[in-house]
């Protein structure tokens, strides 16, 4: 699996998990403060996963740019 594929999958999984947790906790509009704290903690975790995924995407883009810059077919290599 390429770096970009893994990064995108990681991001999607983190966001799906966050969405499911928030939907499950707040559908009844009677969430306790413990549930709210837990949802916030899960959101922070999802954000961290998203940041990691974004860094992976950035690294993949840099790799692709380097490959394109060094490709003899485009007159640059």
Protein backbone atom coordinates (compact mmCIF):
# COMPACT_ATOMS: atom_id res chain seq x y z
CA UNK A 1 0.00 0.00 0.00
CA UNK A 2 1.36 3.40 -0.91
CA UNK A 3 1.93 6.16 1.61
CA UNK A 4 -0.89 8.25 0.18
CA UNK A 5 -3.35 5.34 0.27
CA UNK A 6 -2.53 4.59 3.90
CA UNK A 7 -2.81 8.25 4.84
CA UNK A 8 -6.20 8.61 3.21
CA UNK A 9 -7.46 5.40 4.84
CA UNK A 10 -6.20 6.54 8.25
CA UNK A 11 -7.97 9.86 7.86
CA UNK A 12 -11.22 8.29 6.72
CA UNK A 13 -11.20 5.78 9.58
CA UNK A 14 -10.54 8.44 12.18
CA UNK A 15 -13.31 10.66 10.91
CA UNK A 16 -15.78 7.77 10.60
CA UNK A 17 -15.06 6.75 14.17
CA UNK A 18 -15.56 10.29 15.41
CA UNK A 19 -18.82 10.70 13.55
CA UNK A 20 -20.21 7.42 14.85
CA UNK A 21 -19.26 8.22 18.43
CA UNK A 22 -20.77 11.70 18.32
CA UNK A 23 -23.98 10.46 16.67
CA UNK A 24 -24.37 7.72 19.25
CA UNK A 25 -23.72 9.99 22.20
CA UNK A 26 -25.81 13.01 21.34
CA UNK A 27 -28.84 11.67 19.47
CA UNK A 28 -30.96 11.75 22.60
CA UNK A 29 -29.85 15.30 23.57
CA UNK A 30 -29.36 14.06 27.12
CA UNK A 31 -25.67 13.33 27.13
CA UNK A 32 -23.95 13.42 30.50
CA UNK A 33 -20.86 15.50 31.08
CA UNK A 34 -18.81 12.26 31.10
CA UNK A 35 -20.09 11.46 27.62
CA UNK A 36 -19.25 14.95 26.43
CA UNK A 37 -15.72 14.66 27.86
CA UNK A 38 -15.32 11.27 26.18
CA UNK A 39 -16.54 12.66 22.85
CA UNK A 40 -14.09 15.53 23.10
CA UNK A 41 -11.27 13.11 23.85
CA UNK A 42 -12.24 11.01 20.84
CA UNK A 43 -12.37 14.15 18.70
CA UNK A 44 -8.85 15.03 19.80
CA UNK A 45 -7.70 11.53 18.90
CA UNK A 46 -9.37 11.79 15.50
CA UNK A 47 -7.71 15.15 14.95
CA UNK A 48 -4.32 13.63 15.76
CA UNK A 49 -4.97 10.83 13.27
CA UNK A 50 -6.02 13.37 10.67
CA UNK A 51 -2.84 15.36 11.23
CA UNK A 52 -0.74 12.21 10.86
CA UNK A 53 -2.61 11.31 7.69
CA UNK A 54 -2.14 14.82 6.32
CA UNK A 55 1.59 14.59 6.95
CA UNK A 56 1.63 11.29 5.08
CA UNK A 57 -0.20 12.87 2.16
CA UNK A 58 2.25 15.76 2.19
CA UNK A 59 5.20 13.37 2.12
CA UNK A 60 3.63 11.43 -0.75
CA UNK A 61 3.07 14.62 -2.71
CA UNK A 62 6.68 15.63 -2.16
CA UNK A 63 7.81 12.22 -3.38
CA UNK A 64 5.66 12.50 -6.49
CA UNK A 65 7.00 15.99 -7.24
CA UNK A 66 10.57 14.72 -6.87
CA UNK A 67 9.86 11.81 -9.21
CA UNK A 68 8.30 14.14 -11.78
CA UNK A 69 11.19 16.59 -11.51
CA UNK A 70 13.67 13.79 -12.15
CA UNK A 71 11.73 12.12 -14.96
CA UNK A 72 13.65 12.23 -18.27
CA UNK A 73 10.36 11.99 -20.19
CA UNK A 74 9.34 15.49 -19.14
CA UNK A 75 12.70 17.01 -20.06
CA UNK A 76 13.78 17.65 -16.48
CA UNK A 77 15.66 14.50 -15.57
